[in-house]
Amino acid sequence: AVVSTQSTGSVYLLANIAYCSILSLEELINEDAIALYVGRKMLGEFGSHWARAGELFFGLSVAVSSFGSLSSSLMGSSRLPFIAAQEGMMPQFLALIQNSTGTPIVSLMFIGASAFLCVWSSSISKLISYVGFLSWFWWGLCFLAVPILRLKMPHSPRQFKVFMGFPVLATLSTVYLVVGPFFVTPIPCLAWIGVTLIGVPMYYGFVDRSNKAGRAMDWILLRLSKLLHATL
């Protein structure tokens, strides 16, 4: 895992160094598709056909990379509500597993429907900015948990330890990435925080089995398990 992370980070770093060495600051700011422009500029010196070939090569490379990232992200993100449902933090029907394929089918459908609603209600550029804001907010809390647990539970068994400077530096970087957007787009950031906080009443309303809504989740669980041929 360490080697793969370092290799991926090195590739991204080298790619950005290449972009900065080929393009000027104005080109980096004004161009929407940096990779395509780099391909066109690099091979455009040999003629228009080579310029189009450079665009096609870099475009296909980005597409292949995006599909690979989408596949791994979908496999990972769909397991989050699945595990949360198993732990009792989300409605139990999200933990249903399809009998023939062994996949968390309801969790996959939930992630797909959520992504559709987010894309449908906003442009892709704004969505990337806001999702990045929320992602870094929660990642920052994860980074902050490392030094806190190290101080409060210093003798607890751990599979491995990291140098304390890494999570501290990551936490400080996250503060910049989270606080910065508030000065640019404060209202959308507050709106997405509000969307996140909807999870609190959703939990007490639909996960807690002591009320009618919680018992209604059992009815949905039964119907979905029959419809999708899935079990817990």
C-alpha atoms as a PDB file:
ATOM      1  CA  ALA A   1       0.000   0.000   0.000  1.00  0.00           C
ATOM      2  CA  VAL A   2       2.839   2.384   0.854  1.00  0.00           C
ATOM      3  CA  VAL A   3       4.675   1.657  -2.405  1.00  0.00           C
ATOM      4  CA  SER A   4       1.514   2.056  -4.513  1.00  0.00           C
ATOM      5  CA  THR A   5       0.613   5.332  -2.788  1.00  0.00           C
ATOM      6  CA  GLN A   6       4.095   6.736  -3.312  1.00  0.00           C
ATOM      7  CA  SER A   7       4.116   5.588  -6.945  1.00  0.00           C
ATOM      8  CA  THR A   8       0.741   7.185  -7.661  1.00  0.00           C
ATOM      9  CA  GLY A   9       1.748  10.401  -5.937  1.00  0.00           C
ATOM     10  CA  SER A  10       5.009  10.499  -7.899  1.00  0.00           C
ATOM     11  CA  VAL A  11       3.173  10.081 -11.210  1.00  0.00           C
ATOM     12  CA  TYR A  12       0.767  12.917 -10.376  1.00  0.00           C
ATOM     13  CA  LEU A  13       3.662  15.122  -9.250  1.00  0.00           C
ATOM     14  CA  LEU A  14       5.641  14.474 -12.433  1.00  0.00           C
ATOM     15  CA  ALA A  15       2.565  15.141 -14.570  1.00  0.00           C
ATOM     16  CA  ASN A  16       2.022  18.521 -12.917  1.00  0.00           C
ATOM     17  CA  ILE A  17       5.709  19.374 -13.269  1.00  0.00           C
ATOM     18  CA  ALA A  18       5.429  18.559 -16.979  1.00  0.00           C
ATOM     19  CA  TYR A  19       2.351  20.772 -17.349  1.00  0.00           C
ATOM     20  CA  CYS A  20       4.061  23.679 -15.605  1.00  0.00           C
ATOM     21  CA  SER A  21       7.210  23.327 -17.710  1.00  0.00           C
ATOM     22  CA  ILE A  22       5.274  23.293 -21.012  1.00  0.00           C
ATOM     23  CA  LEU A  23       2.525  25.831 -20.340  1.00  0.00           C
ATOM     24  CA  SER A  24       2.673  29.386 -19.103  1.00  0.00           C
ATOM     25  CA  LEU A  25       0.709  30.630 -16.117  1.00  0.00           C
ATOM     26  CA  GLU A  26      -1.862  32.311 -18.362  1.00  0.00           C
ATOM     27  CA  GLU A  27      -2.380  29.078 -20.318  1.00  0.00           C
ATOM     28  CA  LEU A  28      -2.833  27.078 -17.124  1.00  0.00           C
ATOM     29  CA  ILE A  29      -5.477  29.534 -15.918  1.00  0.00           C
ATOM     30  CA  ASN A  30      -7.385  29.955 -19.171  1.00  0.00           C
ATOM     31  CA  GLU A  31      -7.423  26.383 -20.501  1.00  0.00           C
ATOM     32  CA  ASP A  32     -10.203  24.067 -19.307  1.00  0.00           C
ATOM     33  CA  ALA A  33      -8.696  20.824 -20.677  1.00  0.00           C
ATOM     34  CA  ILE A  34      -5.032  21.055 -19.698  1.00  0.00           C
ATOM     35  CA  ALA A  35      -4.046  17.579 -20.885  1.00  0.00           C
ATOM     36  CA  LEU A  36      -5.549  18.056 -24.352  1.00  0.00           C
ATOM     37  CA  TYR A  37      -3.875  21.417 -24.750  1.00  0.00           C
ATOM     38  CA  VAL A  38      -0.501  19.967 -23.715  1.00  0.00           C
ATOM     39  CA  GLY A  39      -0.842  17.192 -26.278  1.00  0.00           C
ATOM     40  CA  ARG A  40      -1.755  19.684 -28.992  1.00  0.00           C
ATOM     41  CA  LYS A  41       1.089  22.041 -28.094  1.00  0.00           C
ATOM     42  CA  MET A  42       3.743  19.323 -27.770  1.00  0.00           C
ATOM     43  CA  LEU A  43       3.065  17.642 -31.109  1.00  0.00           C
ATOM     44  CA  GLY A  44       1.675  20.656 -32.934  1.00  0.00           C
ATOM     45  CA  GLU A  45       5.203  21.662 -33.926  1.00  0.00           C
ATOM     46  CA  PHE A  46       5.246  18.713 -36.352  1.00  0.00           C
ATOM     47  CA  GLY A  47       1.999  19.691 -38.093  1.00  0.00           C
ATOM     48  CA  SER A  48      -1.760  19.824 -37.626  1.00  0.00           C
ATOM     49  CA  HIS A  49      -2.174  16.041 -37.971  1.00  0.00           C
ATOM     50  CA  TRP A  50       0.285  15.454 -35.150  1.00  0.00           C
ATOM     51  CA  ALA A  51      -1.531  18.065 -33.057  1.00  0.00           C
ATOM     52  CA  ARG A  52      -4.824  16.211 -33.459  1.00  0.00           C
ATOM     53  CA  ALA A  53      -3.044  12.925 -32.683  1.00  0.00           C
ATOM     54  CA  GLY A  54      -1.658  14.463 -29.489  1.00  0.00           C
ATOM     55  CA  GLU A  55      -5.113  15.599 -28.424  1.00  0.00           C
ATOM     56  CA  LEU A  56      -6.538  12.158 -29.148  1.00  0.00           C
ATOM     57  CA  PHE A  57      -3.776  10.343 -27.236  1.00  0.00           C
ATOM     58  CA  PHE A  58      -4.002  12.555 -24.166  1.00  0.00           C
ATOM     59  CA  GLY A  59      -7.808  12.514 -24.284  1.00  0.00           C
ATOM     60  CA  LEU A  60      -7.909   8.716 -24.372  1.00  0.00           C
ATOM     61  CA  SER A  61      -5.354   8.553 -21.557  1.00  0.00           C
ATOM     62  CA  VAL A  62      -7.514  10.794 -19.382  1.00  0.00           C
ATOM     63  CA  ALA A  63     -10.632   8.775 -20.256  1.00  0.00           C
ATOM     64  CA  VAL A  64      -8.967   5.459 -19.361  1.00  0.00           C
ATOM     65  CA  SER A  65      -7.646   6.915 -16.109  1.00  0.00           C
ATOM     66  CA  SER A  66     -11.073   8.319 -15.277  1.00  0.00           C
ATOM     67  CA  PHE A  67     -12.840   5.015 -15.895  1.00  0.00           C
ATOM     68  CA  GLY A  68     -10.299   3.201 -13.727  1.00  0.00           C
ATOM     69  CA  SER A  69     -10.729   5.744 -10.959  1.00  0.00           C
ATOM     70  CA  LEU A  70     -14.529   5.554 -11.297  1.00  0.00           C
ATOM     71  CA  SER A  71     -14.475   1.767 -10.991  1.00  0.00           C
ATOM     72  CA  SER A  72     -12.349   1.755  -7.841  1.00  0.00           C
ATOM     73  CA  SER A  73     -14.268   4.687  -6.337  1.00  0.00           C
ATOM     74  CA  LEU A  74     -17.607   2.991  -6.975  1.00  0.00           C
ATOM     75  CA  MET A  75     -16.406  -0.242  -5.405  1.00  0.00           C
ATOM     76  CA  GLY A  76     -15.128   1.622  -2.358  1.00  0.00           C
ATOM     77  CA  SER A  77     -17.865   4.222  -1.894  1.00  0.00           C
ATOM     78  CA  SER A  78     -20.694   1.694  -2.222  1.00  0.00           C
ATOM     79  CA  ARG A  79     -19.256  -0.239   0.723  1.00  0.00           C
ATOM     80  CA  LEU A  80     -19.481   2.788   3.026  1.00  0.00           C
ATOM     81  CA  PRO A  81     -23.299   2.825   3.419  1.00  0.00           C
ATOM     82  CA  PHE A  82     -23.194  -0.988   3.316  1.00  0.00           C
ATOM     83  CA  ILE A  83     -20.887  -1.172   6.347  1.00  0.00           C
ATOM     84  CA  ALA A  84     -22.695   1.714   8.057  1.00  0.00           C
ATOM     85  CA  ALA A  85     -25.959  -0.215   7.723  1.00  0.00           C
ATOM     86  CA  GLN A  86     -24.339  -3.318   9.190  1.00  0.00           C
ATOM     87  CA  GLU A  87     -23.099  -1.244  12.133  1.00  0.00           C
ATOM     88  CA  GLY A  88     -26.584   0.202  12.723  1.00  0.00           C
ATOM     89  CA  MET A  89     -25.774   3.746  11.593  1.00  0.00           C
ATOM     90  CA  MET A  90     -27.933   3.690   8.428  1.00  0.00           C
ATOM     91  CA  PRO A  91     -31.158   1.874   7.450  1.00  0.00           C
ATOM     92  CA  GLN A  92     -30.631  -1.865   7.482  1.00  0.00           C
ATOM     93  CA  PHE A  93     -31.881  -2.460   3.938  1.00  0.00           C
ATOM     94  CA  LEU A  94     -28.651  -0.833   2.653  1.00  0.00           C
ATOM     95  CA  ALA A  95     -26.814  -3.930   3.915  1.00  0.00           C
ATOM     96  CA  LEU A  96     -28.657  -6.304   1.560  1.00  0.00           C
ATOM     97  CA  ILE A  97     -26.400  -8.504  -0.567  1.00  0.00           C
ATOM     98  CA  GLN A  98     -27.569  -9.881  -3.909  1.00  0.00           C
ATOM     99  CA  ASN A  99     -27.602 -13.679  -3.755  1.00  0.00           C
ATOM    100  CA  SER A 100     -26.296 -14.487  -7.242  1.00  0.00           C
ATOM    101  CA  THR A 101     -23.606 -11.793  -7.551  1.00  0.00           C
ATOM    102  CA  GLY A 102     -22.628 -11.229  -3.908  1.00  0.00           C
ATOM    103  CA  THR A 103     -22.675  -7.432  -4.359  1.00  0.00           C
ATOM    104  CA  PRO A 104     -24.282  -4.854  -2.021  1.00  0.00           C
ATOM    105  CA  ILE A 105     -26.923  -4.055  -4.645  1.00  0.00           C
ATOM    106  CA  VAL A 106     -29.050  -1.661  -2.580  1.00  0.00           C
ATOM    107  CA  SER A 107     -25.981   0.289  -1.501  1.00  0.00           C
ATOM    108  CA  LEU A 108     -24.885   0.565  -5.140  1.00  0.00           C
ATOM    109  CA  MET A 109     -28.336   1.809  -6.134  1.00  0.00           C
ATOM    110  CA  PHE A 110     -28.256   4.327  -3.289  1.00  0.00           C
ATOM    111  CA  ILE A 111     -24.866   5.705  -4.372  1.00  0.00           C
ATOM    112  CA  GLY A 112     -26.008   5.884  -7.996  1.00  0.00           C
ATOM    113  CA  ALA A 113     -29.233   7.702  -7.131  1.00  0.00           C
ATOM    114  CA  SER A 114     -27.386  10.155  -4.861  1.00  0.00           C
ATOM    115  CA  ALA A 115     -24.832  10.904  -7.575  1.00  0.00           C
ATOM    116  CA  PHE A 116     -27.610  11.469 -10.124  1.00  0.00           C
ATOM    117  CA  LEU A 117     -29.397  13.956  -7.864  1.00  0.00           C
ATOM    118  CA  CYS A 118     -26.171  15.865  -7.196  1.00  0.00           C
ATOM    119  CA  VAL A 119     -25.236  16.089 -10.887  1.00  0.00           C
ATOM    120  CA  TRP A 120     -28.797  16.917 -11.970  1.00  0.00           C
ATOM    121  CA  SER A 121     -29.119  19.842  -9.571  1.00  0.00           C
ATOM    122  CA  SER A 122     -25.759  21.471 -10.320  1.00  0.00           C
ATOM    123  CA  SER A 123     -23.024  21.789 -12.930  1.00  0.00           C
ATOM    124  CA  ILE A 124     -20.141  19.326 -12.815  1.00  0.00           C
ATOM    125  CA  SER A 125     -17.550  22.021 -12.038  1.00  0.00           C
ATOM    126  CA  LYS A 126     -19.528  23.317  -9.053  1.00  0.00           C
ATOM    127  CA  LEU A 127     -20.210  19.763  -7.909  1.00  0.00           C
ATOM    128  CA  ILE A 128     -16.496  18.919  -7.912  1.00  0.00           C
ATOM    129  CA  SER A 129     -15.751  22.029  -5.840  1.00  0.00           C
ATOM    130  CA  TYR A 130     -18.459  21.369  -3.262  1.00  0.00           C
ATOM    131  CA  VAL A 131     -17.810  17.639  -2.958  1.00  0.00           C
ATOM    132  CA  GLY A 132     -14.119  18.391  -2.556  1.00  0.00           C
ATOM    133  CA  PHE A 133     -14.983  20.846   0.210  1.00  0.00           C
ATOM    134  CA  LEU A 134     -17.045  18.269   2.113  1.00  0.00           C
ATOM    135  CA  SER A 135     -14.548  15.474   1.483  1.00  0.00           C
ATOM    136  CA  TRP A 136     -11.655  17.498   2.859  1.00  0.00           C
ATOM    137  CA  PHE A 137     -13.759  18.485   5.868  1.00  0.00           C
ATOM    138  CA  TRP A 138     -14.286  14.844   6.869  1.00  0.00           C
ATOM    139  CA  TRP A 139     -10.753  13.834   5.893  1.00  0.00           C
ATOM    140  CA  GLY A 140      -9.495  16.614   8.141  1.00  0.00           C
ATOM    141  CA  LEU A 141     -11.388  15.158  11.084  1.00  0.00           C
ATOM    142  CA  CYS A 142      -9.792  11.776  10.338  1.00  0.00           C
ATOM    143  CA  PHE A 143      -6.328  13.365  10.263  1.00  0.00           C
ATOM    144  CA  LEU A 144      -7.052  15.211  13.512  1.00  0.00           C
ATOM    145  CA  ALA A 145      -8.126  11.962  15.190  1.00  0.00           C
ATOM    146  CA  VAL A 146      -4.614  10.511  14.831  1.00  0.00           C
ATOM    147  CA  PRO A 147      -2.780  12.909  17.208  1.00  0.00           C
ATOM    148  CA  ILE A 148      -5.772  13.030  19.548  1.00  0.00           C
ATOM    149  CA  LEU A 149      -5.883   9.248  19.925  1.00  0.00           C
ATOM    150  CA  ARG A 150      -2.099   9.116  20.174  1.00  0.00           C
ATOM    151  CA  LEU A 151      -2.259  11.467  23.179  1.00  0.00           C
ATOM    152  CA  LYS A 152      -5.323   9.962  24.867  1.00  0.00           C
ATOM    153  CA  MET A 153      -4.529   6.295  24.162  1.00  0.00           C
ATOM    154  CA  PRO A 154      -0.735   6.107  23.806  1.00  0.00           C
ATOM    155  CA  HIS A 155      -0.469   2.421  24.749  1.00  0.00           C
ATOM    156  CA  SER A 156      -3.287   1.057  22.587  1.00  0.00           C
ATOM    157  CA  PRO A 157      -2.175  -1.624  20.086  1.00  0.00           C
ATOM    158  CA  ARG A 158      -1.732  -0.324  16.539  1.00  0.00           C
ATOM    159  CA  GLN A 159      -0.889  -2.136  13.335  1.00  0.00           C
ATOM    160  CA  PHE A 160       1.551   0.613  12.414  1.00  0.00           C
ATOM    161  CA  LYS A 161       2.509   4.084  13.574  1.00  0.00           C
ATOM    162  CA  VAL A 162       3.157   7.157  11.493  1.00  0.00           C
ATOM    163  CA  PHE A 163       5.376  10.112  12.245  1.00  0.00           C
ATOM    164  CA  MET A 164       3.278  12.634  14.150  1.00  0.00           C
ATOM    165  CA  GLY A 165       4.272  15.425  11.793  1.00  0.00           C
ATOM    166  CA  PHE A 166       2.384  13.831   8.895  1.00  0.00           C
ATOM    167  CA  PRO A 167      -1.149  13.986  10.389  1.00  0.00           C
ATOM    168  CA  VAL A 168      -0.431  17.432  11.872  1.00  0.00           C
ATOM    169  CA  LEU A 169       0.677  18.747   8.476  1.00  0.00           C
ATOM    170  CA  ALA A 170      -2.314  17.075   6.799  1.00  0.00           C
ATOM    171  CA  THR A 171      -4.693  18.651   9.326  1.00  0.00           C
ATOM    172  CA  LEU A 172      -3.248  22.128   8.786  1.00  0.00           C
ATOM    173  CA  SER A 173      -3.479  21.686   5.020  1.00  0.00           C
ATOM    174  CA  THR A 174      -7.095  20.591   5.380  1.00  0.00           C
ATOM    175  CA  VAL A 175      -7.928  23.711   7.384  1.00  0.00           C
ATOM    176  CA  TYR A 176      -6.786  25.813   4.431  1.00  0.00           C
ATOM    177  CA  LEU A 177      -8.753  23.688   1.933  1.00  0.00           C
ATOM    178  CA  VAL A 178     -11.925  23.899   4.039  1.00  0.00           C
ATOM    179  CA  VAL A 179     -11.753  27.523   5.202  1.00  0.00           C
ATOM    180  CA  GLY A 180     -10.641  28.903   1.821  1.00  0.00           C
ATOM    181  CA  PRO A 181     -13.896  28.141  -0.068  1.00  0.00           C
ATOM    182  CA  PHE A 182     -15.906  30.063   2.548  1.00  0.00           C
ATOM    183  CA  PHE A 183     -14.315  33.310   1.365  1.00  0.00           C
ATOM    184  CA  VAL A 184     -15.165  32.524  -2.273  1.00  0.00           C
ATOM    185  CA  THR A 185     -18.592  30.830  -2.109  1.00  0.00           C
ATOM    186  CA  PRO A 186     -19.867  31.012   1.490  1.00  0.00           C
ATOM    187  CA  ILE A 187     -23.564  30.387   0.799  1.00  0.00           C
ATOM    188  CA  PRO A 188     -23.140  27.143  -1.223  1.00  0.00           C
ATOM    189  CA  CYS A 189     -20.662  25.843   1.357  1.00  0.00           C
ATOM    190  CA  LEU A 190     -23.145  26.477   4.169  1.00  0.00           C
ATOM    191  CA  ALA A 191     -25.873  24.842   2.091  1.00  0.00           C
ATOM    192  CA  TRP A 192     -23.830  21.667   1.619  1.00  0.00           C
ATOM    193  CA  ILE A 193     -23.003  21.595   5.327  1.00  0.00           C
ATOM    194  CA  GLY A 194     -26.745  21.756   5.938  1.00  0.00           C
ATOM    195  CA  VAL A 195     -27.272  18.840   3.564  1.00  0.00           C
ATOM    196  CA  THR A 196     -24.704  16.866   5.557  1.00  0.00           C
ATOM    197  CA  LEU A 197     -26.428  17.688   8.854  1.00  0.00           C
ATOM    198  CA  ILE A 198     -29.659  16.203   7.494  1.00  0.00           C
ATOM    199  CA  GLY A 199     -28.108  12.875   8.453  1.00  0.00           C
ATOM    200  CA  VAL A 200     -28.778  13.607  12.158  1.00  0.00           C
ATOM    201  CA  PRO A 201     -32.606  13.699  11.962  1.00  0.00           C
ATOM    202  CA  MET A 202     -32.490  10.957   9.325  1.00  0.00           C
ATOM    203  CA  TYR A 203     -30.737   8.695  11.818  1.00  0.00           C
ATOM    204  CA  TYR A 204     -33.156   9.309  14.661  1.00  0.00           C
ATOM    205  CA  GLY A 205     -36.125   9.167  12.309  1.00  0.00           C
ATOM    206  CA  PHE A 206     -35.372   6.122  10.158  1.00  0.00           C
ATOM    207  CA  VAL A 207     -32.642   4.091  11.877  1.00  0.00           C
ATOM    208  CA  ASP A 208     -33.854   4.161  15.467  1.00  0.00           C
ATOM    209  CA  ARG A 209     -36.274   1.236  15.715  1.00  0.00           C
ATOM    210  CA  SER A 210     -38.195   2.697  18.649  1.00  0.00           C
ATOM    211  CA  ASN A 211     -40.456   4.792  16.402  1.00  0.00           C
ATOM    212  CA  LYS A 212     -42.862   4.153  13.542  1.00  0.00           C
ATOM    213  CA  ALA A 213     -40.458   5.318  10.848  1.00  0.00           C
ATOM    214  CA  GLY A 214     -37.839   2.890  12.114  1.00  0.00           C
ATOM    215  CA  ARG A 215     -40.350   0.039  11.980  1.00  0.00           C
ATOM    216  CA  ALA A 216     -41.309   1.081   8.450  1.00  0.00           C
ATOM    217  CA  MET A 217     -37.712   0.380   7.445  1.00  0.00           C
ATOM    218  CA  ASP A 218     -38.328  -3.277   8.322  1.00  0.00           C
ATOM    219  CA  TRP A 219     -41.184  -3.362   5.819  1.00  0.00           C
ATOM    220  CA  ILE A 220     -38.936  -1.838   3.130  1.00  0.00           C
ATOM    221  CA  LEU A 221     -36.221  -4.357   4.012  1.00  0.00           C
ATOM    222  CA  LEU A 222     -38.617  -7.258   3.505  1.00  0.00           C
ATOM    223  CA  ARG A 223     -39.921  -5.961   0.177  1.00  0.00           C
ATOM    224  CA  LEU A 224     -36.483  -5.189  -1.233  1.00  0.00           C
ATOM    225  CA  SER A 225     -35.094  -8.558  -0.207  1.00  0.00           C
ATOM    226  CA  LYS A 226     -37.895 -10.295  -2.120  1.00  0.00           C
ATOM    227  CA  LEU A 227     -37.715  -8.000  -5.143  1.00  0.00           C
ATOM    228  CA  LEU A 228     -33.937  -8.088  -5.551  1.00  0.00           C
ATOM    229  CA  HIS A 229     -33.389 -11.664  -4.287  1.00  0.00           C
ATOM    230  CA  ALA A 230     -31.045 -10.336  -1.618  1.00  0.00           C
ATOM    231  CA  THR A 231     -30.254 -11.215   1.980  1.00  0.00           C
ATOM    232  CA  LEU A 232     -28.427  -9.620   4.893  1.00  0.00           C
END
